[in-house]
Amino acid sequence: MAKIYLTRQGDAYDIIAYRVYGSEQRAMDVARANPVHLDTVFFRAGVALVLPDLPKQYVDRPSPPWRRR
């Protein structure tokens, strides 16, 4: 079951993907799940976006060493 994300003022797909999935590389997955908002670069607060369920391998994959803190 897909989840819903309510945007914050100034959110963009890469920021949302990083917050939710831990990687901005999932930004296109979030964008594809919300075709009505494909032309949006920065969101206003309170827009409901669908967050796709990603295969576990994408969500739990560790970051490369240079990205770890």
N, C-alpha and C. Protein backbone atom coordinates (compact mmCIF):
# COMPACT_ATOMS: atom_id res chain seq x y z
N MET A 1 0.84 -1.18 0.00
CA MET A 1 0.00 0.00 0.00
C MET A 1 0.89 1.25 0.00
N ALA A 2 0.62 2.15 -0.91
CA ALA A 2 1.39 3.39 -1.01
C ALA A 2 1.04 4.31 0.16
N LYS A 3 1.98 5.14 0.52
CA LYS A 3 1.78 6.10 1.60
C LYS A 3 1.60 7.49 0.99
N ILE A 4 1.10 8.40 1.81
CA ILE A 4 0.90 9.78 1.40
C ILE A 4 1.89 10.66 2.15
N TYR A 5 2.49 11.62 1.43
CA TYR A 5 3.42 12.58 2.01
C TYR A 5 2.82 13.96 1.81
N LEU A 6 2.72 14.74 2.87
CA LEU A 6 2.28 16.13 2.77
C LEU A 6 3.51 17.01 2.68
N THR A 7 3.57 17.79 1.61
CA THR A 7 4.77 18.60 1.36
C THR A 7 4.90 19.75 2.35
N ARG A 8 6.14 20.17 2.48
CA ARG A 8 6.47 21.38 3.23
C ARG A 8 6.78 22.46 2.19
N GLN A 9 6.63 23.71 2.55
CA GLN A 9 6.95 24.80 1.64
C GLN A 9 8.38 24.65 1.12
N GLY A 10 8.54 24.65 -0.20
CA GLY A 10 9.87 24.57 -0.80
C GLY A 10 10.38 23.17 -1.07
N ASP A 11 9.61 22.14 -0.70
CA ASP A 11 10.02 20.77 -1.00
C ASP A 11 10.20 20.58 -2.50
N ALA A 12 11.12 19.73 -2.87
CA ALA A 12 11.32 19.30 -4.25
C ALA A 12 11.43 17.78 -4.21
N TYR A 13 11.31 17.15 -5.37
CA TYR A 13 11.32 15.68 -5.40
C TYR A 13 12.56 15.08 -4.77
N ASP A 14 13.72 15.67 -5.00
CA ASP A 14 14.94 15.10 -4.43
C ASP A 14 14.97 15.22 -2.91
N ILE A 15 14.47 16.31 -2.39
CA ILE A 15 14.42 16.50 -0.94
C ILE A 15 13.45 15.49 -0.31
N ILE A 16 12.30 15.31 -0.94
CA ILE A 16 11.31 14.36 -0.44
C ILE A 16 11.88 12.95 -0.45
N ALA A 17 12.50 12.57 -1.56
CA ALA A 17 13.09 11.23 -1.67
C ALA A 17 14.15 11.00 -0.61
N TYR A 18 14.96 12.01 -0.34
CA TYR A 18 16.00 11.87 0.68
C TYR A 18 15.37 11.69 2.06
N ARG A 19 14.36 12.48 2.37
CA ARG A 19 13.70 12.37 3.68
C ARG A 19 13.04 11.00 3.87
N VAL A 20 12.38 10.53 2.84
CA VAL A 20 11.58 9.31 2.95
C VAL A 20 12.40 8.05 2.76
N TYR A 21 13.25 8.03 1.72
CA TYR A 21 13.97 6.81 1.36
C TYR A 21 15.45 6.85 1.71
N GLY A 22 15.94 8.02 2.13
CA GLY A 22 17.36 8.13 2.49
C GLY A 22 18.27 8.33 1.30
N SER A 23 17.70 8.58 0.12
CA SER A 23 18.50 8.80 -1.08
C SER A 23 17.74 9.67 -2.06
N GLU A 24 18.38 10.72 -2.51
CA GLU A 24 17.75 11.59 -3.51
C GLU A 24 17.65 10.89 -4.86
N GLN A 25 18.32 9.77 -5.03
CA GLN A 25 18.25 9.02 -6.28
C GLN A 25 16.86 8.41 -6.51
N ARG A 26 16.02 8.39 -5.54
CA ARG A 26 14.65 7.88 -5.69
C ARG A 26 13.68 8.97 -6.10
N ALA A 27 14.18 10.17 -6.42
CA ALA A 27 13.32 11.31 -6.78
C ALA A 27 12.43 11.00 -7.98
N MET A 28 12.96 10.33 -8.99
CA MET A 28 12.16 10.01 -10.17
C MET A 28 11.03 9.03 -9.84
N ASP A 29 11.27 8.14 -8.88
CA ASP A 29 10.20 7.22 -8.46
C ASP A 29 9.04 8.00 -7.85
N VAL A 30 9.37 9.00 -7.04
CA VAL A 30 8.32 9.83 -6.42
C VAL A 30 7.61 10.64 -7.51
N ALA A 31 8.36 11.21 -8.44
CA ALA A 31 7.76 12.01 -9.51
C ALA A 31 6.83 11.16 -10.37
N ARG A 32 7.28 9.97 -10.74
CA ARG A 32 6.45 9.09 -11.59
C ARG A 32 5.16 8.66 -10.89
N ALA A 33 5.19 8.58 -9.59
CA ALA A 33 4.00 8.19 -8.83
C ALA A 33 2.99 9.33 -8.72
N ASN A 34 3.40 10.52 -9.15
CA ASN A 34 2.55 11.72 -9.04
C ASN A 34 2.53 12.47 -10.37
N PRO A 35 2.00 11.86 -11.42
CA PRO A 35 2.09 12.47 -12.75
C PRO A 35 1.41 13.83 -12.87
N VAL A 36 0.42 14.11 -12.05
CA VAL A 36 -0.25 15.40 -12.13
C VAL A 36 0.69 16.54 -11.69
N HIS A 37 1.76 16.23 -10.98
CA HIS A 37 2.69 17.25 -10.48
C HIS A 37 4.04 17.20 -11.19
N LEU A 38 4.13 16.57 -12.34
CA LEU A 38 5.43 16.44 -13.01
C LEU A 38 6.06 17.78 -13.37
N ASP A 39 5.27 18.80 -13.60
CA ASP A 39 5.81 20.12 -13.94
C ASP A 39 6.21 20.94 -12.72
N THR A 40 5.95 20.44 -11.53
CA THR A 40 6.27 21.18 -10.31
C THR A 40 7.73 20.97 -9.93
N VAL A 41 8.41 22.08 -9.66
CA VAL A 41 9.81 22.00 -9.21
C VAL A 41 9.86 22.13 -7.69
N PHE A 42 9.24 23.19 -7.17
CA PHE A 42 9.17 23.42 -5.73
C PHE A 42 7.70 23.43 -5.32
N PHE A 43 7.39 22.66 -4.29
CA PHE A 43 6.01 22.53 -3.84
C PHE A 43 5.66 23.57 -2.80
N ARG A 44 4.39 23.91 -2.78
CA ARG A 44 3.85 24.70 -1.67
C ARG A 44 3.55 23.73 -0.53
N ALA A 45 3.31 24.24 0.63
CA ALA A 45 3.01 23.38 1.78
C ALA A 45 1.64 22.74 1.62
N GLY A 46 1.54 21.48 2.06
CA GLY A 46 0.26 20.80 2.14
C GLY A 46 -0.20 20.04 0.91
N VAL A 47 0.68 19.86 -0.08
CA VAL A 47 0.30 19.07 -1.25
C VAL A 47 0.46 17.59 -0.91
N ALA A 48 -0.57 16.81 -1.17
CA ALA A 48 -0.53 15.38 -0.86
C ALA A 48 0.08 14.63 -2.04
N LEU A 49 1.20 13.96 -1.81
CA LEU A 49 1.88 13.18 -2.83
C LEU A 49 1.84 11.70 -2.45
N VAL A 50 1.73 10.86 -3.45
CA VAL A 50 1.78 9.42 -3.25
C VAL A 50 3.25 9.01 -3.19
N LEU A 51 3.61 8.22 -2.19
CA LEU A 51 4.96 7.67 -2.10
C LEU A 51 4.90 6.21 -2.52
N PRO A 52 5.59 5.87 -3.59
CA PRO A 52 5.52 4.49 -4.06
C PRO A 52 6.23 3.54 -3.11
N ASP A 53 5.73 2.31 -3.07
CA ASP A 53 6.42 1.26 -2.34
C ASP A 53 7.59 0.81 -3.22
N LEU A 54 8.79 0.90 -2.70
CA LEU A 54 9.98 0.49 -3.44
C LEU A 54 10.41 -0.89 -2.97
N PRO A 55 11.03 -1.64 -3.85
CA PRO A 55 11.58 -2.92 -3.40
C PRO A 55 12.54 -2.71 -2.24
N LYS A 56 12.52 -3.62 -1.30
CA LYS A 56 13.34 -3.49 -0.09
C LYS A 56 14.81 -3.26 -0.42
N GLN A 57 15.31 -3.83 -1.49
CA GLN A 57 16.71 -3.67 -1.83
C GLN A 57 17.08 -2.20 -2.04
N TYR A 58 16.13 -1.37 -2.52
CA TYR A 58 16.41 0.04 -2.73
C TYR A 58 16.38 0.83 -1.44
N VAL A 59 15.50 0.46 -0.55
CA VAL A 59 15.33 1.21 0.68
C VAL A 59 16.45 0.92 1.67
N ASP A 60 16.87 -0.33 1.78
CA ASP A 60 17.85 -0.71 2.80
C ASP A 60 19.29 -0.76 2.31
N ARG A 61 19.51 -0.39 1.06
CA ARG A 61 20.87 -0.44 0.53
C ARG A 61 21.74 0.57 1.28
N PRO A 62 22.91 0.16 1.77
CA PRO A 62 23.75 1.09 2.50
C PRO A 62 24.35 2.15 1.58
N SER A 63 24.63 3.31 2.13
CA SER A 63 25.27 4.38 1.37
C SER A 63 26.72 4.02 1.10
N PRO A 64 27.28 4.54 0.01
CA PRO A 64 28.70 4.33 -0.24
C PRO A 64 29.52 5.02 0.84
N PRO A 65 30.75 4.59 1.07
CA PRO A 65 31.56 5.12 2.17
C PRO A 65 31.69 6.64 2.18
N TRP A 66 31.79 7.26 1.02
CA TRP A 66 31.97 8.72 0.98
C TRP A 66 30.72 9.48 1.35
N ARG A 67 29.56 8.80 1.40
CA ARG A 67 28.31 9.44 1.78
C ARG A 67 27.98 9.26 3.26
N ARG A 68 28.69 8.36 3.93
CA ARG A 68 28.39 8.08 5.34
C ARG A 68 29.00 9.15 6.22
N ARG A 69 28.33 9.39 7.33
CA ARG A 69 28.85 10.40 8.28
C ARG A 69 29.18 9.74 9.57
